[in-house]
Protein backbone atom coordinates (compact mmCIF):
# COMPACT_ATOMS: atom_id res chain seq x y z
CA MET A 1 17.24 -3.24 6.39
CA SER A 2 13.86 -4.45 7.01
CA LYS A 3 11.96 -4.98 4.01
CA THR A 4 8.76 -2.08 3.52
CA ILE A 5 4.89 -3.10 3.03
CA ALA A 6 2.66 -1.39 2.05
CA ILE A 7 -0.94 -1.33 2.89
CA VAL A 8 -3.21 0.93 0.88
CA GLU A 9 -7.04 0.74 3.35
CA ASP A 10 -8.78 2.70 3.59
CA GLU A 11 -10.78 0.90 6.45
CA ILE A 12 -8.05 1.80 10.02
CA ASP A 13 -9.04 -1.41 12.10
CA ILE A 14 -8.39 -3.92 9.26
CA ALA A 15 -5.15 -2.26 8.15
CA ASP A 16 -3.73 -1.91 11.88
CA ASN A 17 -4.04 -5.13 12.29
CA TYR A 18 -2.18 -6.14 9.04
CA ARG A 19 0.25 -3.91 9.87
CA GLU A 20 0.50 -5.19 13.29
CA ALA A 21 0.56 -8.97 12.48
CA LEU A 22 3.51 -8.07 9.44
CA GLN A 23 5.61 -6.35 12.05
CA ARG A 24 5.51 -8.58 14.23
CA GLN A 25 7.47 -10.35 11.62
CA GLY A 26 9.58 -7.88 11.26
CA TYR A 27 8.53 -5.47 8.81
CA GLU A 28 8.70 -1.84 8.15
CA VAL A 29 5.08 -1.08 7.64
CA ARG A 30 3.59 2.26 5.90
CA LEU A 31 -0.76 2.80 5.46
CA TYR A 32 -1.86 4.87 3.13
CA ALA A 33 -5.96 5.77 3.64
CA SER A 34 -6.06 6.89 0.05
CA ARG A 35 -4.90 6.18 -3.92
CA GLU A 36 -3.74 9.90 -2.95
CA ALA A 37 -1.51 9.69 -0.19
CA ALA A 38 0.65 6.02 -1.45
CA LEU A 39 1.16 7.43 -5.18
CA ASN A 40 2.69 10.58 -3.05
CA ALA A 41 4.82 8.41 -1.17
CA PHE A 42 5.24 6.09 -4.04
CA LYS A 43 7.24 8.66 -5.69
CA GLN A 44 9.29 9.15 -3.45
CA ARG A 45 10.27 5.43 -2.51
CA LEU A 46 8.55 2.11 -3.45
CA PRO A 47 9.02 -0.01 -0.56
CA ASN A 48 9.18 -3.84 -1.38
CA LEU A 49 5.49 -5.33 -1.54
CA VAL A 50 1.74 -3.21 -1.74
CA LEU A 51 -0.90 -4.50 -0.64
CA LEU A 52 -4.13 -2.77 -1.79
CA ASP A 53 -6.79 -2.26 -1.24
CA ILE A 54 -9.92 -1.79 -4.61
CA GLY A 55 -12.04 -0.25 -3.30
CA LEU A 56 -11.37 3.86 -1.80
CA LYS A 57 -14.06 5.26 -0.05
CA ASN A 58 -15.91 6.72 -2.86
CA ASP A 59 -13.00 5.71 -5.11
CA TYR A 60 -14.65 2.22 -6.31
CA ASP A 61 -11.85 1.42 -7.65
CA GLY A 62 -9.22 2.79 -6.53
CA GLY A 63 -7.28 -0.06 -5.79
CA PHE A 64 -7.07 -0.80 -9.02
CA GLU A 65 -6.08 2.41 -11.18
CA LEU A 66 -2.76 2.24 -8.55
CA CYS A 67 -1.87 -0.61 -9.37
CA ARG A 68 -1.91 0.28 -12.92
CA VAL A 69 0.28 2.87 -11.88
CA LEU A 70 2.57 1.01 -10.45
CA ARG A 71 2.52 -1.50 -12.99
CA ASN A 72 4.20 1.56 -15.05
CA MET A 73 6.55 2.27 -11.86
CA SER A 74 8.15 -1.06 -11.95
CA GLU A 75 7.63 -3.81 -13.23
CA SER A 76 9.48 -6.56 -10.84
CA LEU A 77 7.20 -4.98 -7.51
CA PRO A 78 4.79 -7.57 -6.20
């Protein structure tokens, strides 16, 4: 089973570039454009790694807020 990396990034071109590079290395990559979309998915299943954009459209500190929530969901999620 491959490792799953979640990318929370509101700019699709940037997210696609990261996804392509990571998939070439064998990772399963999930993209989320908002804090809400990511959080809904993470409540179902946590990835092995999360890459967060700090500013998500009008949610200027959305990445920081999501990081705080993730820290409460898992002490070991990088």
